[in-house]
């Protein structure tokens, strides 16, 4: 469970950074891709953290 929370925290930080980057980009397609990437990480990183953390830390 800790791995999922850490993944969520990393996803939130990365989402904020990607939003700041999207604000500086001029192309609308690039803005959309950056926003979709940030949102998809809210799902992927907690799931990855949930499964990877027991292997790294142990049972």
Protein backbone atom coordinates (compact mmCIF):
# COMPACT_ATOMS: atom_id res chain seq x y z
CA UNK A 1 0.00 0.00 0.00
CA UNK A 2 2.90 2.34 0.70
CA UNK A 3 4.14 1.82 -2.85
CA UNK A 4 0.79 2.96 -4.22
CA UNK A 5 0.86 6.09 -2.06
CA UNK A 6 4.40 6.90 -3.13
CA UNK A 7 3.38 6.36 -6.76
CA UNK A 8 0.44 8.71 -6.26
CA UNK A 9 2.69 11.39 -4.76
CA UNK A 10 5.13 11.10 -7.65
CA UNK A 11 2.25 11.23 -10.13
CA UNK A 12 0.91 14.41 -8.51
CA UNK A 13 4.31 16.09 -8.67
CA UNK A 14 4.85 15.01 -12.26
CA UNK A 15 1.34 16.15 -13.21
CA UNK A 16 2.08 19.62 -11.82
CA UNK A 17 5.34 19.80 -13.76
CA UNK A 18 3.71 18.62 -16.98
CA UNK A 19 0.93 21.21 -16.57
CA UNK A 20 3.53 23.96 -16.19
CA UNK A 21 5.31 22.68 -19.30
CA UNK A 22 2.03 22.53 -21.24
CA UNK A 23 1.39 26.16 -20.38
CA UNK A 24 4.65 27.13 -22.08
CA UNK A 25 4.09 25.11 -25.27
CA UNK A 26 2.37 26.74 -28.22
CA UNK A 27 1.08 23.73 -30.16
CA UNK A 28 -2.35 22.53 -28.99
CA UNK A 29 -1.54 18.90 -29.88
CA UNK A 30 1.51 18.98 -27.63
CA UNK A 31 -0.51 20.50 -24.79
CA UNK A 32 -3.09 17.75 -25.14
CA UNK A 33 -0.47 15.00 -25.11
CA UNK A 34 1.22 16.45 -22.02
CA UNK A 35 -2.11 16.67 -20.18
CA UNK A 36 -3.09 13.11 -21.15
CA UNK A 37 0.33 11.85 -20.04
CA UNK A 38 -0.03 13.56 -16.67
CA UNK A 39 -3.50 12.15 -16.13
CA UNK A 40 -2.54 8.63 -17.16
CA UNK A 41 0.25 8.63 -14.60
CA UNK A 42 -2.34 9.00 -11.83
CA UNK A 43 -3.44 5.48 -12.73
CA UNK A 44 -0.19 3.86 -13.80
CA UNK A 45 2.25 4.95 -11.09
CA UNK A 46 0.15 3.87 -8.07
CA UNK A 47 -0.53 0.50 -9.71
CA UNK A 48 3.15 0.00 -10.52
CA UNK A 49 4.14 1.10 -7.02
CA UNK A 50 1.65 -1.32 -5.47
CA UNK A 51 3.18 -4.28 -7.27
CA UNK A 52 6.86 -3.26 -7.30
CA UNK A 53 7.24 -2.10 -3.68
CA UNK A 54 6.93 -5.60 -2.13
CA UNK A 55 9.75 -6.81 -4.40
CA UNK A 56 12.01 -3.89 -3.49
CA UNK A 57 11.29 -3.69 0.24
CA UNK A 58 10.28 -7.28 0.90
CA UNK A 59 7.12 -8.81 2.24
